[in-house]
Amino acid sequence: MNKGSMRAVGVIPARREVALFEHPMPRVAAPTELKVRTIEVGICGTDREICSFAYGTPPTGCDYLVLGHEALGEVVEIGAGVTQFGPGDLVVPTVRRPCPHDHCPSCRGARQDFCFTGDFTERGIKMTHGFMTEYFVEDQAHLNIVPRRLRDVAVLVEPLTVAEKALAQVWQVQQRLPWNNGSVDEAHRGAGKTAVVLGAGPVGILGAMTLLVSGFKTFVYSRSPEPNPKAALIHSIGAKYLSCETTPLAEFVRQVGNIDLVYEAVGVARFSFDVLTVLGLNGVFVFTGIPPHKPAIPIEADSLMRQVVLMNQAIIGTVNADRPAFENAIRHLGVFKQLWPEALSRVITGRHPLENYRELLLGKATGIKNVITLER
């Protein structure tokens, strides 16, 4: 490897290949750009799906895409116009970059998570290289500073933003009725309400933590029967874990009661639509998962439509996140670390060198959250 290149892991779609290769060392080229040394990169289902070539698009003119969109790094160099960061700062980057069109009000208003054109790019996913490499350069507009005390868990910021954006939308949607008892105190906004999380992966577990600190009585409904490490973690934070393999839906509802909010974090359509049928009066169901393309499934559409109308229900989807979601995720990680330090640390199952990329990306998924570390 020469001084002008560095190690990176990515995909070469034309050859259907996942590889560790040399990637050009980035350089600060604009006044508001920063060079960041990558510390950790999280592995998620999106990365594994890109490695199965379900999607993932290299930048224009390049035959490969560097992976990685969940990252923690340390600033090592700043441009002359950088005002918000300095060398040594810990930062977490956002994922989506705005489209170039003047007629897109979302992107022009720094809300590319609601892009109207679809011409956005995403680091490590769509037309922009990701962070699974030793250094990256980014504009200060797309970075978020992280306190040093969160260094060991800060790689969880991006997956936590899924829940942060979802809950922000829930509060907005449910302003249509007196749903939060008029409380402005975060710890009581969900008081008296019951939330159900579907799935016990990192997005589900972090979502359960967010719901708990918002005052919801929280249940996690997932596949694996107890005992298992995810269930133990969930019980340790004060939520209740139930397995769909040992607790059928009717029994689940009997134990849970009226369901005010469902936060779907499993990406399985059949399971999710089954639970949608038991959503409570005035309830809201949030979809976050993206199922793979599979044959169509039958649903009782007439019954479901009647239910949604007659019970004043709302169904929303959410993808990506804005800056407030990242800021709230960083703040909540601090809260989680105070409330449940051991449980939060157990969300990260293992830290691995970059050379283990094939096992992590192509092997059987294990644990909760696996992380590639580039620390020397």
Protein backbone atom coordinates (compact mmCIF):
# COMPACT_ATOMS: atom_id res chain seq x y z
CA MET A 1 0.00 0.00 0.00
CA ASN A 2 1.37 3.43 -0.90
CA LYS A 3 0.93 6.72 0.94
CA GLY A 4 -1.78 7.78 -1.49
CA SER A 5 -4.10 4.91 -0.65
CA MET A 6 -5.68 3.14 2.31
CA ARG A 7 -7.60 -0.03 3.07
CA ALA A 8 -11.32 -0.19 2.35
CA VAL A 9 -14.04 -2.84 2.14
CA GLY A 10 -16.65 -2.64 -0.57
CA VAL A 11 -18.58 -4.32 -3.34
CA ILE A 12 -17.88 -4.57 -7.06
CA PRO A 13 -21.40 -5.13 -8.45
CA ALA A 14 -20.36 -5.97 -12.02
CA ARG A 15 -18.29 -8.86 -10.68
CA ARG A 16 -20.62 -9.62 -7.74
CA GLU A 17 -17.60 -9.42 -5.51
CA VAL A 18 -17.04 -8.28 -1.93
CA ALA A 19 -13.43 -7.31 -1.37
CA LEU A 20 -10.78 -5.61 0.73
CA PHE A 21 -8.90 -3.27 -1.59
CA GLU A 22 -6.84 -0.11 -1.83
CA HIS A 23 -8.88 3.10 -1.97
CA PRO A 24 -7.49 6.61 -2.61
CA MET A 25 -6.65 8.58 0.50
CA PRO A 26 -9.17 11.47 0.68
CA ARG A 27 -8.11 15.08 0.89
CA VAL A 28 -9.84 18.19 2.18
CA ALA A 29 -10.86 20.06 -0.97
CA ALA A 30 -13.34 22.69 0.27
CA PRO A 31 -13.24 25.23 3.13
CA THR A 32 -16.01 23.54 5.12
CA GLU A 33 -14.68 19.99 4.78
CA LEU A 34 -12.96 17.90 7.45
CA LYS A 35 -10.76 14.82 7.29
CA VAL A 36 -11.81 12.17 9.77
CA ARG A 37 -9.96 9.08 10.98
CA THR A 38 -12.42 6.21 11.19
CA ILE A 39 -12.59 4.55 14.62
CA GLU A 40 -15.50 2.12 14.28
CA VAL A 41 -18.06 1.09 11.67
CA GLY A 42 -21.22 -0.84 12.52
CA ILE A 43 -22.40 -3.80 10.44
CA CYS A 44 -26.13 -3.92 9.71
CA GLY A 45 -28.66 -5.74 7.56
CA THR A 46 -28.36 -3.10 4.84
CA ASP A 47 -24.66 -3.86 4.45
CA ARG A 48 -25.36 -7.57 4.19
CA GLU A 49 -28.10 -6.98 1.61
CA ILE A 50 -25.75 -4.85 -0.48
CA CYS A 51 -23.27 -7.73 -0.31
CA SER A 52 -25.98 -10.00 -1.73
CA PHE A 53 -26.30 -7.43 -4.55
CA ALA A 54 -29.96 -6.72 -3.80
CA TYR A 55 -29.04 -3.04 -4.19
CA GLY A 56 -26.09 -0.70 -3.72
CA THR A 57 -24.83 1.68 -6.42
CA PRO A 58 -21.21 2.84 -6.88
CA PRO A 59 -20.43 6.49 -7.52
CA THR A 60 -20.54 7.64 -11.14
CA GLY A 61 -17.38 6.58 -12.93
CA CYS A 62 -16.35 4.04 -10.29
CA ASP A 63 -16.86 0.27 -10.50
CA TYR A 64 -16.96 -0.26 -6.72
CA LEU A 65 -18.78 1.08 -3.66
CA VAL A 66 -17.07 1.40 -0.29
CA LEU A 67 -19.49 0.07 2.33
CA GLY A 68 -20.41 1.39 5.78
CA HIS A 69 -22.91 4.01 6.92
CA GLU A 70 -22.80 3.64 10.73
CA ALA A 71 -19.55 5.24 11.84
CA LEU A 72 -17.61 6.95 14.59
CA GLY A 73 -14.49 8.94 13.76
CA GLU A 74 -12.00 11.49 15.05
CA VAL A 75 -11.31 14.76 13.26
CA VAL A 76 -7.66 15.02 12.13
CA GLU A 77 -7.77 17.98 9.74
CA ILE A 78 -10.15 20.87 9.08
CA GLY A 79 -10.73 23.24 6.19
CA ALA A 80 -10.26 26.99 6.56
CA GLY A 81 -14.01 27.58 6.78
CA VAL A 82 -14.83 24.98 9.44
CA THR A 83 -16.37 26.67 12.47
CA GLN A 84 -18.06 23.87 14.43
CA PHE A 85 -15.28 21.29 14.88
CA GLY A 86 -11.61 20.99 15.69
CA PRO A 87 -8.92 18.30 15.52
CA GLY A 88 -9.51 15.61 18.13
CA ASP A 89 -13.29 15.96 18.15
CA LEU A 90 -15.28 12.73 17.98
CA VAL A 91 -17.92 12.81 15.25
CA VAL A 92 -20.71 10.69 13.82
CA PRO A 93 -21.66 11.31 10.16
CA THR A 94 -25.16 11.32 8.74
CA VAL A 95 -25.96 9.06 5.78
CA ARG A 96 -28.07 10.79 3.14
CA ARG A 97 -26.91 13.72 1.01
CA PRO A 98 -29.39 16.12 -0.65
CA CYS A 99 -30.42 15.92 -4.28
CA PRO A 100 -29.24 18.76 -6.57
CA HIS A 101 -32.67 20.02 -7.66
CA ASP A 102 -33.87 23.52 -6.79
CA HIS A 103 -37.49 22.34 -6.92
CA CYS A 104 -37.02 19.90 -4.00
CA PRO A 105 -38.07 21.86 -0.89
CA SER A 106 -36.95 19.07 1.44
CA CYS A 107 -33.36 18.94 0.26
CA ARG A 108 -33.08 22.71 0.00
CA GLY A 109 -34.29 22.87 3.59
CA ALA A 110 -31.75 20.29 4.86
CA ARG A 111 -34.47 17.65 5.16
CA GLN A 112 -33.14 15.24 2.58
CA ASP A 113 -34.72 12.42 4.60
CA PHE A 114 -37.95 13.58 2.91
CA CYS A 115 -36.45 14.12 -0.56
CA PHE A 116 -39.16 14.59 -3.20
CA THR A 117 -37.11 13.62 -6.26
CA GLY A 118 -35.38 10.43 -5.19
CA ASP A 119 -32.08 11.75 -6.58
CA PHE A 120 -30.39 11.87 -3.16
CA THR A 121 -27.19 9.92 -2.54
CA GLU A 122 -26.31 7.89 0.55
CA ARG A 123 -22.88 7.14 1.97
CA GLY A 124 -22.08 3.48 1.65
CA ILE A 125 -25.39 2.71 -0.04
CA LYS A 126 -26.17 4.83 -3.08
CA MET A 127 -23.63 6.56 -5.35
CA THR A 128 -21.33 7.79 -2.57
CA HIS A 129 -18.56 5.83 -0.85
CA GLY A 130 -19.12 4.87 2.76
CA PHE A 131 -17.02 4.78 5.91
CA MET A 132 -15.61 1.22 5.96
CA THR A 133 -12.14 2.57 5.37
CA GLU A 134 -9.37 4.26 7.33
CA TYR A 135 -10.22 7.91 6.62
CA PHE A 136 -13.01 9.89 5.07
CA VAL A 137 -13.66 13.53 4.20
CA GLU A 138 -17.01 15.14 4.92
CA ASP A 139 -18.58 18.58 5.02
CA GLN A 140 -19.27 19.94 8.49
CA ALA A 141 -22.98 20.12 7.65
CA HIS A 142 -23.13 16.31 7.75
CA LEU A 143 -21.25 15.66 10.99
CA ASN A 144 -22.38 15.53 14.60
CA ILE A 145 -20.06 15.95 17.57
CA VAL A 146 -20.09 13.23 20.24
CA PRO A 147 -19.00 13.60 23.89
CA ARG A 148 -15.89 11.62 24.82
CA ARG A 149 -17.80 9.74 27.51
CA LEU A 150 -19.88 8.08 24.77
CA ARG A 151 -16.90 6.89 22.72
CA ASP A 152 -17.52 3.21 23.52
CA VAL A 153 -21.16 3.29 22.31
CA ALA A 154 -21.24 6.17 19.81
CA VAL A 155 -21.26 3.80 16.82
CA LEU A 156 -24.88 3.10 17.86
CA VAL A 157 -25.97 6.67 17.10
CA GLU A 158 -27.04 6.01 13.50
CA PRO A 159 -29.20 2.93 14.23
CA LEU A 160 -30.76 4.81 17.14
CA THR A 161 -31.80 7.63 14.80
CA VAL A 162 -34.36 5.25 13.30
CA ALA A 163 -36.31 5.31 16.56
CA GLU A 164 -35.66 9.01 17.12
CA LYS A 165 -37.16 10.03 13.79
CA ALA A 166 -40.00 7.55 14.18
CA LEU A 167 -41.01 8.86 17.59
CA ALA A 168 -40.75 12.48 16.44
CA GLN A 169 -43.27 11.63 13.71
CA VAL A 170 -45.50 9.81 16.17
CA TRP A 171 -45.74 12.93 18.34
CA GLN A 172 -46.59 15.03 15.28
CA VAL A 173 -49.19 12.60 13.91
CA GLN A 174 -50.84 12.09 17.27
CA GLN A 175 -51.34 15.82 17.76
CA ARG A 176 -54.60 15.09 15.93
CA LEU A 177 -55.99 13.92 19.30
CA PRO A 178 -55.27 14.45 23.02
CA TRP A 179 -52.91 11.50 23.05
CA ASN A 180 -49.97 12.56 25.21
CA ASN A 181 -52.01 13.92 28.12
CA GLY A 182 -50.64 17.39 27.42
CA SER A 183 -47.28 16.50 28.96
CA VAL A 184 -44.19 18.32 27.75
CA ASP A 185 -41.87 16.33 30.03
CA GLU A 186 -40.21 13.67 27.89
CA ALA A 187 -40.33 11.04 30.62
CA HIS A 188 -44.12 11.36 30.85
CA ARG A 189 -45.21 11.93 27.25
CA GLY A 190 -45.95 8.23 26.84
CA ALA A 191 -47.29 7.72 30.35
CA GLY A 192 -50.35 5.51 30.43
CA LYS A 193 -49.65 4.25 26.91
CA THR A 194 -48.46 0.83 25.75
CA ALA A 195 -45.88 0.41 23.01
CA VAL A 196 -44.92 -2.78 21.19
CA VAL A 197 -41.58 -3.21 19.42
CA LEU A 198 -41.43 -5.85 16.71
CA GLY A 199 -37.97 -7.39 16.52
CA ALA A 200 -35.08 -7.61 18.97
CA GLY A 201 -32.18 -6.56 16.77
CA PRO A 202 -30.19 -3.36 17.43
CA VAL A 203 -32.89 -1.08 15.97
CA GLY A 204 -35.55 -2.83 18.06
CA ILE A 205 -33.58 -2.82 21.30
CA LEU A 206 -32.55 0.82 20.95
CA GLY A 207 -36.15 1.65 20.06
CA ALA A 208 -37.36 -0.07 23.22
CA MET A 209 -34.93 2.02 25.28
CA THR A 210 -36.21 5.20 23.63
CA LEU A 211 -39.83 4.28 24.32
CA LEU A 212 -39.05 3.45 27.95
CA VAL A 213 -37.43 6.83 28.61
CA SER A 214 -40.49 8.44 27.00
CA GLY A 215 -42.74 6.81 29.59
CA PHE A 216 -44.31 3.99 27.56
CA LYS A 217 -45.00 0.58 29.02
CA THR A 218 -42.94 -1.36 26.51
CA PHE A 219 -43.12 -4.90 25.13
CA VAL A 220 -40.81 -6.51 22.59
CA TYR A 221 -42.36 -9.21 20.39
CA SER A 222 -39.81 -11.23 18.47
CA ARG A 223 -39.12 -14.70 17.14
CA SER A 224 -36.53 -16.47 19.29
CA PRO A 225 -37.93 -18.28 22.33
CA GLU A 226 -36.43 -17.65 25.75
CA PRO A 227 -33.90 -17.97 27.18
CA ASN A 228 -31.71 -15.95 24.83
CA PRO A 229 -29.30 -13.00 25.27
CA LYS A 230 -31.59 -10.47 23.57
CA ALA A 231 -34.51 -11.34 25.83
CA ALA A 232 -32.30 -11.10 28.92
CA LEU A 233 -31.09 -7.66 27.84
CA ILE A 234 -34.63 -6.46 27.21
CA HIS A 235 -35.88 -7.67 30.58
CA SER A 236 -32.90 -5.96 32.28
CA ILE A 237 -34.00 -2.50 31.09
CA GLY A 238 -37.59 -2.92 32.29
CA ALA A 239 -39.34 -3.95 29.09
CA LYS A 240 -40.99 -7.34 28.63
CA TYR A 241 -39.90 -9.81 25.96
CA LEU A 242 -42.31 -12.28 24.38
CA SER A 243 -41.63 -14.77 21.59
CA CYS A 244 -44.10 -15.26 18.76
CA GLU A 245 -43.03 -18.92 18.67
CA THR A 246 -44.23 -19.56 22.22
CA THR A 247 -46.82 -16.77 22.62
CA PRO A 248 -49.40 -16.71 19.79
CA LEU A 249 -50.79 -13.33 18.80
CA ALA A 250 -54.09 -13.79 20.67
CA GLU A 251 -52.25 -14.63 23.89
CA PHE A 252 -49.84 -11.76 23.29
CA VAL A 253 -52.74 -9.31 23.09
CA ARG A 254 -54.28 -10.79 26.24
CA GLN A 255 -51.06 -10.11 28.12
CA VAL A 256 -50.35 -6.68 26.62
CA GLY A 257 -53.83 -5.15 26.49
CA ASN A 258 -54.64 -2.14 24.33
CA ILE A 259 -51.73 -1.32 22.01
CA ASP A 260 -51.23 2.42 21.47
CA LEU A 261 -48.06 2.28 19.40
CA VAL A 262 -46.30 -0.35 17.33
CA TYR A 263 -42.69 0.29 16.35
CA GLU A 264 -41.84 -2.24 13.65
CA ALA A 265 -38.13 -3.08 13.47
CA VAL A 266 -38.15 -6.57 11.98
CA GLY A 267 -38.68 -6.19 8.21
CA VAL A 268 -41.00 -9.21 7.96
CA ALA A 269 -44.29 -8.37 6.25
CA ARG A 270 -46.41 -11.33 7.40
CA PHE A 271 -45.51 -10.87 11.05
CA SER A 272 -45.96 -7.09 10.88
CA PHE A 273 -49.36 -7.17 9.20
CA ASP A 274 -50.59 -9.76 11.67
CA VAL A 275 -49.73 -7.41 14.52
CA LEU A 276 -51.30 -4.48 12.66
CA THR A 277 -54.65 -6.28 12.98
CA VAL A 278 -54.50 -5.92 16.79
CA LEU A 279 -53.46 -2.26 16.95
CA GLY A 280 -55.60 -0.44 19.51
CA LEU A 281 -58.13 2.38 19.30
CA ASN A 282 -56.50 5.67 18.15
CA GLY A 283 -53.23 3.78 17.73
CA VAL A 284 -50.31 4.43 15.42
CA PHE A 285 -48.19 1.85 13.61
CA VAL A 286 -44.70 2.81 12.40
CA PHE A 287 -42.99 0.76 9.69
CA THR A 288 -39.18 1.00 9.59
CA GLY A 289 -38.16 -2.35 8.07
CA ILE A 290 -37.61 -3.03 4.37
CA PRO A 291 -38.53 -6.62 3.49
CA PRO A 292 -36.72 -8.35 0.64
CA HIS A 293 -38.68 -8.99 -2.55
CA LYS A 294 -40.77 -12.09 -2.00
CA PRO A 295 -44.03 -13.54 -3.37
CA ALA A 296 -47.16 -11.59 -2.38
CA ILE A 297 -48.84 -12.49 0.91
CA PRO A 298 -52.62 -12.62 1.48
CA ILE A 299 -54.10 -10.05 3.88
CA GLU A 300 -57.68 -9.39 4.98
CA ALA A 301 -57.73 -6.02 3.25
CA ASP A 302 -61.44 -5.26 3.83
CA SER A 303 -61.21 -5.96 7.55
CA LEU A 304 -57.99 -4.02 7.87
CA MET A 305 -59.38 -1.00 6.06
CA ARG A 306 -62.50 -1.01 8.25
CA GLN A 307 -60.34 -1.22 11.34
CA VAL A 308 -58.08 1.68 10.37
CA VAL A 309 -61.06 3.92 9.61
CA LEU A 310 -63.35 3.01 12.48
CA MET A 311 -60.59 3.00 15.09
CA ASN A 312 -58.92 6.29 14.04
CA GLN A 313 -55.61 4.55 13.41
CA ALA A 314 -52.55 5.93 11.61
CA ILE A 315 -49.96 3.97 9.64
CA ILE A 316 -46.70 5.69 8.76
CA GLY A 317 -43.38 4.73 7.24
CA THR A 318 -40.05 6.28 8.08
CA VAL A 319 -36.61 6.15 6.49
CA ASN A 320 -33.33 7.95 7.11
CA ALA A 321 -33.01 10.75 9.67
CA ASP A 322 -32.52 14.50 10.01
CA ARG A 323 -30.05 16.38 12.21
CA PRO A 324 -32.44 16.62 15.21
CA ALA A 325 -32.75 12.82 15.15
CA PHE A 326 -28.96 12.50 15.36
CA GLU A 327 -28.79 15.09 18.13
CA ASN A 328 -31.52 13.30 20.09
CA ALA A 329 -29.80 9.95 19.54
CA ILE A 330 -26.55 11.31 21.01
CA ARG A 331 -28.43 12.79 23.95
CA HIS A 332 -30.39 9.59 24.57
CA LEU A 333 -27.27 7.43 24.44
CA GLY A 334 -26.06 9.50 27.37
CA VAL A 335 -29.32 8.82 29.19
CA PHE A 336 -29.18 5.11 28.38
CA LYS A 337 -25.61 4.90 29.62
CA GLN A 338 -26.67 6.38 32.96
CA LEU A 339 -29.74 4.16 33.32
CA TRP A 340 -28.52 0.88 31.83
CA PRO A 341 -24.71 0.98 31.36
CA GLU A 342 -24.27 -2.79 31.24
CA ALA A 343 -27.25 -3.41 28.95
CA LEU A 344 -26.18 -0.68 26.54
CA SER A 345 -22.66 -2.08 26.30
CA ARG A 346 -24.11 -5.54 25.57
CA VAL A 347 -25.86 -4.23 22.44
CA ILE A 348 -22.40 -4.30 20.83
CA THR A 349 -21.72 -8.02 20.65
CA GLY A 350 -18.22 -7.90 19.26
CA ARG A 351 -15.50 -5.71 17.80
CA HIS A 352 -13.51 -7.10 14.88
CA PRO A 353 -10.57 -6.06 12.68
CA LEU A 354 -11.21 -4.94 9.12
CA GLU A 355 -9.73 -8.20 7.85
CA ASN A 356 -12.73 -10.11 9.28
CA TYR A 357 -15.08 -8.42 6.81
CA ARG A 358 -16.05 -11.60 4.92
CA GLU A 359 -17.25 -13.41 8.02
CA LEU A 360 -19.22 -10.36 9.17
CA LEU A 361 -20.77 -9.47 5.82
CA LEU A 362 -21.20 -12.86 4.18
CA GLY A 363 -21.34 -15.33 7.06
CA LYS A 364 -24.32 -16.17 9.24
CA ALA A 365 -25.50 -13.17 11.26
CA THR A 366 -24.72 -13.65 14.95
CA GLY A 367 -25.12 -11.64 18.12
CA ILE A 368 -26.78 -8.23 18.22
CA LYS A 369 -24.47 -5.56 16.78
CA ASN A 370 -21.05 -6.38 15.38
CA VAL A 371 -18.57 -3.59 14.77
CA ILE A 372 -15.43 -3.25 12.68
CA THR A 373 -12.77 -1.32 14.54
CA LEU A 374 -9.95 0.50 12.77
CA GLU A 375 -8.10 1.56 15.92
CA ARG A 376 -4.39 0.85 15.82
